[in-house]
Amino acid sequence: MGLDVHARSVVACAIDTVTGELTRSRLTPQQADVLDWLGRLPGPVAVAYEAGPTGFGLARALSAARVRCEVLAPSRLQRPAAERVKTDARDALHLGVIVIPEGVGAVKGGISAGC
């Protein structure tokens, strides 16, 4: 699952690895809202989001809930060349696709990669 995290909203995109079904939602940035949405998805769940000014609080909350989380360095993410329009939904989908194979460019800062 990919999260495009901002101070005022979180765009979430979950990918069912069995069926390929996409589930998208716009959430509040409250950790409880994100965890509630994750709890309604079929498990196991893995999450990725870009490191940024929102910090590692969400990663810590996900770790405490036993959700695998990768906080990725934006400089390590390669965007498809044909993708000229950047949107929150596309960013969330891109991060969701990246988190399926483990450990792509995780930040090793305030929390261990692969929390």
N, C-alpha and C. Protein backbone atom coordinates (compact mmCIF):
# COMPACT_ATOMS: atom_id res chain seq x y z
N MET A 1 0.82 -1.16 0.00
CA MET A 1 0.00 0.00 0.00
C MET A 1 0.87 1.23 0.00
N GLY A 2 0.52 2.22 -0.79
CA GLY A 2 1.25 3.47 -0.85
C GLY A 2 0.46 4.59 -0.21
N LEU A 3 1.18 5.46 0.48
CA LEU A 3 0.56 6.63 1.09
C LEU A 3 1.27 7.88 0.59
N ASP A 4 0.51 8.85 0.11
CA ASP A 4 1.07 10.15 -0.20
C ASP A 4 0.66 11.05 0.96
N VAL A 5 1.61 11.31 1.86
CA VAL A 5 1.33 11.95 3.14
C VAL A 5 1.61 13.44 3.06
N HIS A 6 0.62 14.23 3.46
CA HIS A 6 0.75 15.68 3.56
C HIS A 6 0.25 16.11 4.93
N ALA A 7 0.49 17.34 5.29
CA ALA A 7 0.06 17.85 6.60
C ALA A 7 -1.46 17.85 6.74
N ARG A 8 -2.19 18.06 5.64
CA ARG A 8 -3.65 18.16 5.72
C ARG A 8 -4.42 16.96 5.20
N SER A 9 -3.74 16.05 4.50
CA SER A 9 -4.43 14.87 3.98
C SER A 9 -3.44 13.75 3.69
N VAL A 10 -3.98 12.56 3.56
CA VAL A 10 -3.22 11.38 3.17
C VAL A 10 -4.01 10.70 2.05
N VAL A 11 -3.37 10.50 0.91
CA VAL A 11 -4.00 9.75 -0.16
C VAL A 11 -3.42 8.34 -0.09
N ALA A 12 -4.31 7.36 0.01
CA ALA A 12 -3.90 5.97 0.18
C ALA A 12 -4.32 5.16 -1.04
N CYS A 13 -3.45 4.25 -1.44
CA CYS A 13 -3.74 3.35 -2.55
C CYS A 13 -3.27 1.96 -2.15
N ALA A 14 -4.21 1.04 -2.02
CA ALA A 14 -3.88 -0.35 -1.66
C ALA A 14 -4.00 -1.22 -2.90
N ILE A 15 -3.08 -2.15 -3.04
CA ILE A 15 -3.07 -3.07 -4.17
C ILE A 15 -3.20 -4.48 -3.62
N ASP A 16 -4.25 -5.19 -4.03
CA ASP A 16 -4.41 -6.58 -3.65
C ASP A 16 -3.48 -7.40 -4.53
N THR A 17 -2.46 -8.04 -3.93
CA THR A 17 -1.46 -8.75 -4.72
C THR A 17 -2.00 -10.04 -5.34
N VAL A 18 -3.16 -10.49 -4.91
CA VAL A 18 -3.77 -11.69 -5.49
C VAL A 18 -4.62 -11.33 -6.71
N THR A 19 -5.50 -10.34 -6.55
CA THR A 19 -6.44 -10.00 -7.63
C THR A 19 -6.00 -8.80 -8.47
N GLY A 20 -5.08 -7.98 -7.94
CA GLY A 20 -4.67 -6.76 -8.63
C GLY A 20 -5.62 -5.60 -8.43
N GLU A 21 -6.65 -5.80 -7.61
CA GLU A 21 -7.65 -4.76 -7.36
C GLU A 21 -7.01 -3.58 -6.62
N LEU A 22 -7.37 -2.36 -7.06
CA LEU A 22 -6.91 -1.14 -6.40
C LEU A 22 -8.01 -0.59 -5.51
N THR A 23 -7.62 -0.15 -4.33
CA THR A 23 -8.54 0.52 -3.41
C THR A 23 -7.90 1.85 -3.07
N ARG A 24 -8.61 2.95 -3.33
CA ARG A 24 -8.07 4.28 -3.07
C ARG A 24 -8.95 5.02 -2.09
N SER A 25 -8.32 5.90 -1.31
CA SER A 25 -9.07 6.70 -0.36
C SER A 25 -8.29 7.96 -0.01
N ARG A 26 -9.01 9.03 0.30
CA ARG A 26 -8.39 10.24 0.84
C ARG A 26 -8.73 10.26 2.32
N LEU A 27 -7.71 10.31 3.16
CA LEU A 27 -7.86 10.22 4.61
C LEU A 27 -7.39 11.51 5.27
N THR A 28 -7.76 11.68 6.52
CA THR A 28 -7.18 12.77 7.30
C THR A 28 -5.78 12.32 7.71
N PRO A 29 -4.91 13.24 8.09
CA PRO A 29 -3.56 12.85 8.48
C PRO A 29 -3.47 12.25 9.89
N GLN A 30 -4.60 12.06 10.54
CA GLN A 30 -4.59 11.47 11.88
C GLN A 30 -4.17 10.01 11.79
N GLN A 31 -3.21 9.62 12.61
CA GLN A 31 -2.71 8.24 12.60
C GLN A 31 -3.84 7.24 12.83
N ALA A 32 -4.78 7.56 13.70
CA ALA A 32 -5.89 6.65 13.99
C ALA A 32 -6.73 6.40 12.74
N ASP A 33 -6.93 7.42 11.90
CA ASP A 33 -7.70 7.25 10.67
C ASP A 33 -6.98 6.32 9.69
N VAL A 34 -5.67 6.50 9.57
CA VAL A 34 -4.87 5.66 8.67
C VAL A 34 -4.90 4.21 9.17
N LEU A 35 -4.70 4.01 10.47
CA LEU A 35 -4.71 2.66 11.04
C LEU A 35 -6.08 2.01 10.91
N ASP A 36 -7.14 2.78 11.08
CA ASP A 36 -8.50 2.25 10.92
C ASP A 36 -8.73 1.78 9.49
N TRP A 37 -8.31 2.58 8.51
CA TRP A 37 -8.47 2.20 7.11
C TRP A 37 -7.66 0.94 6.80
N LEU A 38 -6.44 0.88 7.30
CA LEU A 38 -5.61 -0.31 7.09
C LEU A 38 -6.24 -1.55 7.70
N GLY A 39 -6.87 -1.40 8.85
CA GLY A 39 -7.50 -2.52 9.53
C GLY A 39 -8.64 -3.14 8.75
N ARG A 40 -9.22 -2.37 7.84
CA ARG A 40 -10.32 -2.87 7.03
C ARG A 40 -9.86 -3.58 5.76
N LEU A 41 -8.56 -3.54 5.49
CA LEU A 41 -8.02 -4.20 4.30
C LEU A 41 -7.67 -5.64 4.61
N PRO A 42 -7.76 -6.51 3.61
CA PRO A 42 -7.31 -7.88 3.84
C PRO A 42 -5.80 -7.89 4.06
N GLY A 43 -5.34 -8.63 5.04
CA GLY A 43 -3.92 -8.63 5.38
C GLY A 43 -3.18 -9.75 4.69
N PRO A 44 -1.88 -9.81 4.83
CA PRO A 44 -1.05 -8.84 5.54
C PRO A 44 -0.86 -7.56 4.73
N VAL A 45 -0.60 -6.47 5.42
CA VAL A 45 -0.47 -5.16 4.79
C VAL A 45 0.96 -4.67 4.95
N ALA A 46 1.50 -4.11 3.86
CA ALA A 46 2.80 -3.44 3.88
C ALA A 46 2.57 -2.03 3.34
N VAL A 47 3.23 -1.05 3.94
CA VAL A 47 2.99 0.36 3.62
C VAL A 47 4.31 1.03 3.23
N ALA A 48 4.23 1.96 2.27
CA ALA A 48 5.37 2.81 1.93
C ALA A 48 4.89 4.24 1.80
N TYR A 49 5.73 5.16 2.27
CA TYR A 49 5.48 6.58 2.00
C TYR A 49 6.81 7.30 1.94
N GLU A 50 6.81 8.47 1.30
CA GLU A 50 8.04 9.24 1.12
C GLU A 50 8.41 9.97 2.40
N ALA A 51 9.70 9.97 2.71
CA ALA A 51 10.19 10.76 3.82
C ALA A 51 9.94 12.23 3.50
N GLY A 52 9.58 12.99 4.51
CA GLY A 52 9.29 14.40 4.26
C GLY A 52 9.08 15.14 5.55
N PRO A 53 8.53 16.33 5.46
CA PRO A 53 8.38 17.19 6.64
C PRO A 53 7.38 16.66 7.67
N THR A 54 6.57 15.65 7.31
CA THR A 54 5.63 15.11 8.28
C THR A 54 6.31 14.19 9.29
N GLY A 55 7.56 13.82 9.03
CA GLY A 55 8.34 13.07 10.00
C GLY A 55 8.04 11.58 10.05
N PHE A 56 8.48 10.95 11.13
CA PHE A 56 8.38 9.50 11.28
C PHE A 56 7.28 9.07 12.24
N GLY A 57 6.43 9.99 12.68
CA GLY A 57 5.36 9.64 13.62
C GLY A 57 4.43 8.57 13.08
N LEU A 58 4.05 8.68 11.82
CA LEU A 58 3.18 7.68 11.21
C LEU A 58 3.90 6.33 11.14
N ALA A 59 5.15 6.33 10.78
CA ALA A 59 5.92 5.09 10.72
C ALA A 59 5.99 4.42 12.09
N ARG A 60 6.17 5.20 13.12
CA ARG A 60 6.20 4.64 14.48
C ARG A 60 4.84 4.04 14.87
N ALA A 61 3.76 4.73 14.50
CA ALA A 61 2.41 4.21 14.80
C ALA A 61 2.15 2.92 14.04
N LEU A 62 2.57 2.86 12.79
CA LEU A 62 2.40 1.64 11.99
C LEU A 62 3.22 0.50 12.58
N SER A 63 4.44 0.80 12.98
CA SER A 63 5.30 -0.21 13.60
C SER A 63 4.68 -0.76 14.87
N ALA A 64 4.14 0.13 15.69
CA ALA A 64 3.49 -0.30 16.94
C ALA A 64 2.28 -1.18 16.66
N ALA A 65 1.63 -0.97 15.50
CA ALA A 65 0.47 -1.78 15.11
C ALA A 65 0.91 -3.04 14.34
N ARG A 66 2.20 -3.26 14.28
CA ARG A 66 2.77 -4.43 13.60
C ARG A 66 2.49 -4.45 12.10
N VAL A 67 2.54 -3.26 11.49
CA VAL A 67 2.39 -3.13 10.05
C VAL A 67 3.78 -2.85 9.47
N ARG A 68 4.19 -3.64 8.47
CA ARG A 68 5.49 -3.40 7.83
C ARG A 68 5.42 -2.07 7.10
N CYS A 69 6.40 -1.22 7.36
CA CYS A 69 6.40 0.14 6.82
C CYS A 69 7.78 0.47 6.27
N GLU A 70 7.81 1.05 5.08
CA GLU A 70 9.04 1.55 4.49
C GLU A 70 8.89 3.05 4.29
N VAL A 71 9.77 3.82 4.87
CA VAL A 71 9.82 5.26 4.63
C VAL A 71 10.92 5.45 3.59
N LEU A 72 10.55 5.90 2.41
CA LEU A 72 11.46 5.93 1.27
C LEU A 72 12.02 7.32 1.02
N ALA A 73 13.27 7.35 0.61
CA ALA A 73 13.93 8.60 0.26
C ALA A 73 13.43 9.06 -1.11
N PRO A 74 12.85 10.26 -1.21
CA PRO A 74 12.33 10.73 -2.50
C PRO A 74 13.39 10.72 -3.60
N SER A 75 14.64 10.96 -3.24
CA SER A 75 15.71 10.98 -4.24
C SER A 75 16.00 9.61 -4.83
N ARG A 76 15.56 8.54 -4.17
CA ARG A 76 15.80 7.18 -4.65
C ARG A 76 14.65 6.62 -5.48
N LEU A 77 13.57 7.38 -5.61
CA LEU A 77 12.41 6.90 -6.35
C LEU A 77 12.51 7.31 -7.81
N GLN A 78 12.38 6.34 -8.70
CA GLN A 78 12.39 6.62 -10.12
C GLN A 78 10.95 6.69 -10.61
N ARG A 79 10.63 7.76 -11.28
CA ARG A 79 9.29 7.95 -11.84
C ARG A 79 9.30 7.52 -13.29
N PRO A 80 8.22 6.93 -13.76
CA PRO A 80 8.14 6.59 -15.18
C PRO A 80 8.28 7.85 -16.04
N ALA A 81 9.04 7.76 -17.13
CA ALA A 81 9.31 8.92 -17.99
C ALA A 81 8.03 9.48 -18.59
N ALA A 82 7.07 8.64 -18.89
CA ALA A 82 5.83 9.09 -19.52
C ALA A 82 4.89 9.80 -18.55
N GLU A 83 5.18 9.71 -17.27
CA GLU A 83 4.31 10.30 -16.26
C GLU A 83 4.66 11.77 -16.05
N ARG A 84 4.02 12.63 -16.83
CA ARG A 84 4.34 14.06 -16.78
C ARG A 84 3.51 14.82 -15.76
N VAL A 85 2.32 14.33 -15.48
CA VAL A 85 1.44 14.99 -14.52
C VAL A 85 1.58 14.30 -13.18
N LYS A 86 2.00 15.05 -12.17
CA LYS A 86 2.20 14.50 -10.83
C LYS A 86 0.95 14.75 -9.99
N THR A 87 0.33 13.68 -9.50
CA THR A 87 -0.84 13.83 -8.64
C THR A 87 -0.64 12.99 -7.39
N ASP A 88 -1.37 13.31 -6.34
CA ASP A 88 -1.28 12.55 -5.10
C ASP A 88 -1.66 11.09 -5.32
N ALA A 89 -2.71 10.85 -6.12
CA ALA A 89 -3.16 9.48 -6.37
C ALA A 89 -2.11 8.68 -7.12
N ARG A 90 -1.46 9.28 -8.11
CA ARG A 90 -0.40 8.59 -8.85
C ARG A 90 0.79 8.31 -7.94
N ASP A 91 1.14 9.27 -7.09
CA ASP A 91 2.24 9.06 -6.15
C ASP A 91 1.94 7.89 -5.21
N ALA A 92 0.72 7.83 -4.68
CA ALA A 92 0.34 6.74 -3.78
C ALA A 92 0.39 5.39 -4.49
N LEU A 93 -0.10 5.34 -5.73
CA LEU A 93 -0.05 4.10 -6.49
C LEU A 93 1.39 3.68 -6.75
N HIS A 94 2.23 4.62 -7.14
CA HIS A 94 3.64 4.34 -7.40
C HIS A 94 4.31 3.77 -6.14
N LEU A 95 4.05 4.35 -5.00
CA LEU A 95 4.63 3.86 -3.74
C LEU A 95 4.08 2.48 -3.39
N GLY A 96 2.82 2.24 -3.68
CA GLY A 96 2.22 0.94 -3.42
C GLY A 96 2.86 -0.16 -4.25
N VAL A 97 3.18 0.15 -5.49
CA VAL A 97 3.84 -0.82 -6.37
C VAL A 97 5.26 -1.09 -5.87
N ILE A 98 5.92 -0.06 -5.40
CA ILE A 98 7.30 -0.21 -4.92
C ILE A 98 7.39 -1.07 -3.67
N VAL A 99 6.42 -0.97 -2.76
CA VAL A 99 6.52 -1.67 -1.48
C VAL A 99 6.32 -3.18 -1.62
N ILE A 100 5.76 -3.63 -2.73
CA ILE A 100 5.53 -5.07 -2.90
C ILE A 100 6.85 -5.83 -2.82
N PRO A 101 7.88 -5.52 -3.63
CA PRO A 101 9.18 -6.13 -3.36
C PRO A 101 9.83 -5.36 -2.22
N GLU A 102 10.32 -6.03 -1.22
CA GLU A 102 10.78 -5.37 0.00
C GLU A 102 12.04 -4.53 -0.20
N GLY A 103 12.11 -3.43 0.57
CA GLY A 103 13.35 -2.70 0.81
C GLY A 103 13.91 -1.85 -0.30
N VAL A 104 13.13 -1.07 -1.02
CA VAL A 104 13.66 -0.21 -2.08
C VAL A 104 13.95 1.17 -1.51
N GLY A 105 15.21 1.51 -1.31
CA GLY A 105 15.59 2.87 -0.94
C GLY A 105 15.06 3.37 0.38
N ALA A 106 14.94 2.51 1.38
CA ALA A 106 14.39 2.92 2.67
C ALA A 106 15.35 3.86 3.39
N VAL A 107 14.77 4.80 4.11
CA VAL A 107 15.54 5.73 4.92
C VAL A 107 15.88 5.07 6.25
N LYS A 108 17.11 5.17 6.66
CA LYS A 108 17.52 4.60 7.94
C LYS A 108 17.80 5.76 8.89
N GLY A 109 16.75 6.36 9.38
CA GLY A 109 16.90 7.54 10.22
C GLY A 109 16.29 7.30 11.58
N GLY A 110 15.22 8.04 11.85
CA GLY A 110 14.56 7.98 13.15
C GLY A 110 13.92 6.64 13.45
N ILE A 111 13.80 5.78 12.48
CA ILE A 111 13.19 4.47 12.69
C ILE A 111 13.84 3.50 11.73
N SER A 112 13.95 2.26 12.12
CA SER A 112 14.64 1.30 11.27
C SER A 112 13.83 1.04 10.00
N ALA A 113 14.54 0.84 8.90
CA ALA A 113 13.86 0.52 7.65
C ALA A 113 13.18 -0.83 7.81
N GLY A 114 12.04 -0.97 7.20
CA GLY A 114 11.30 -2.21 7.30
C GLY A 114 10.63 -2.35 8.64
N CYS A 115 10.19 -1.20 9.22
CA CYS A 115 9.59 -1.20 10.54
C CYS A 115 8.46 -2.15 10.54
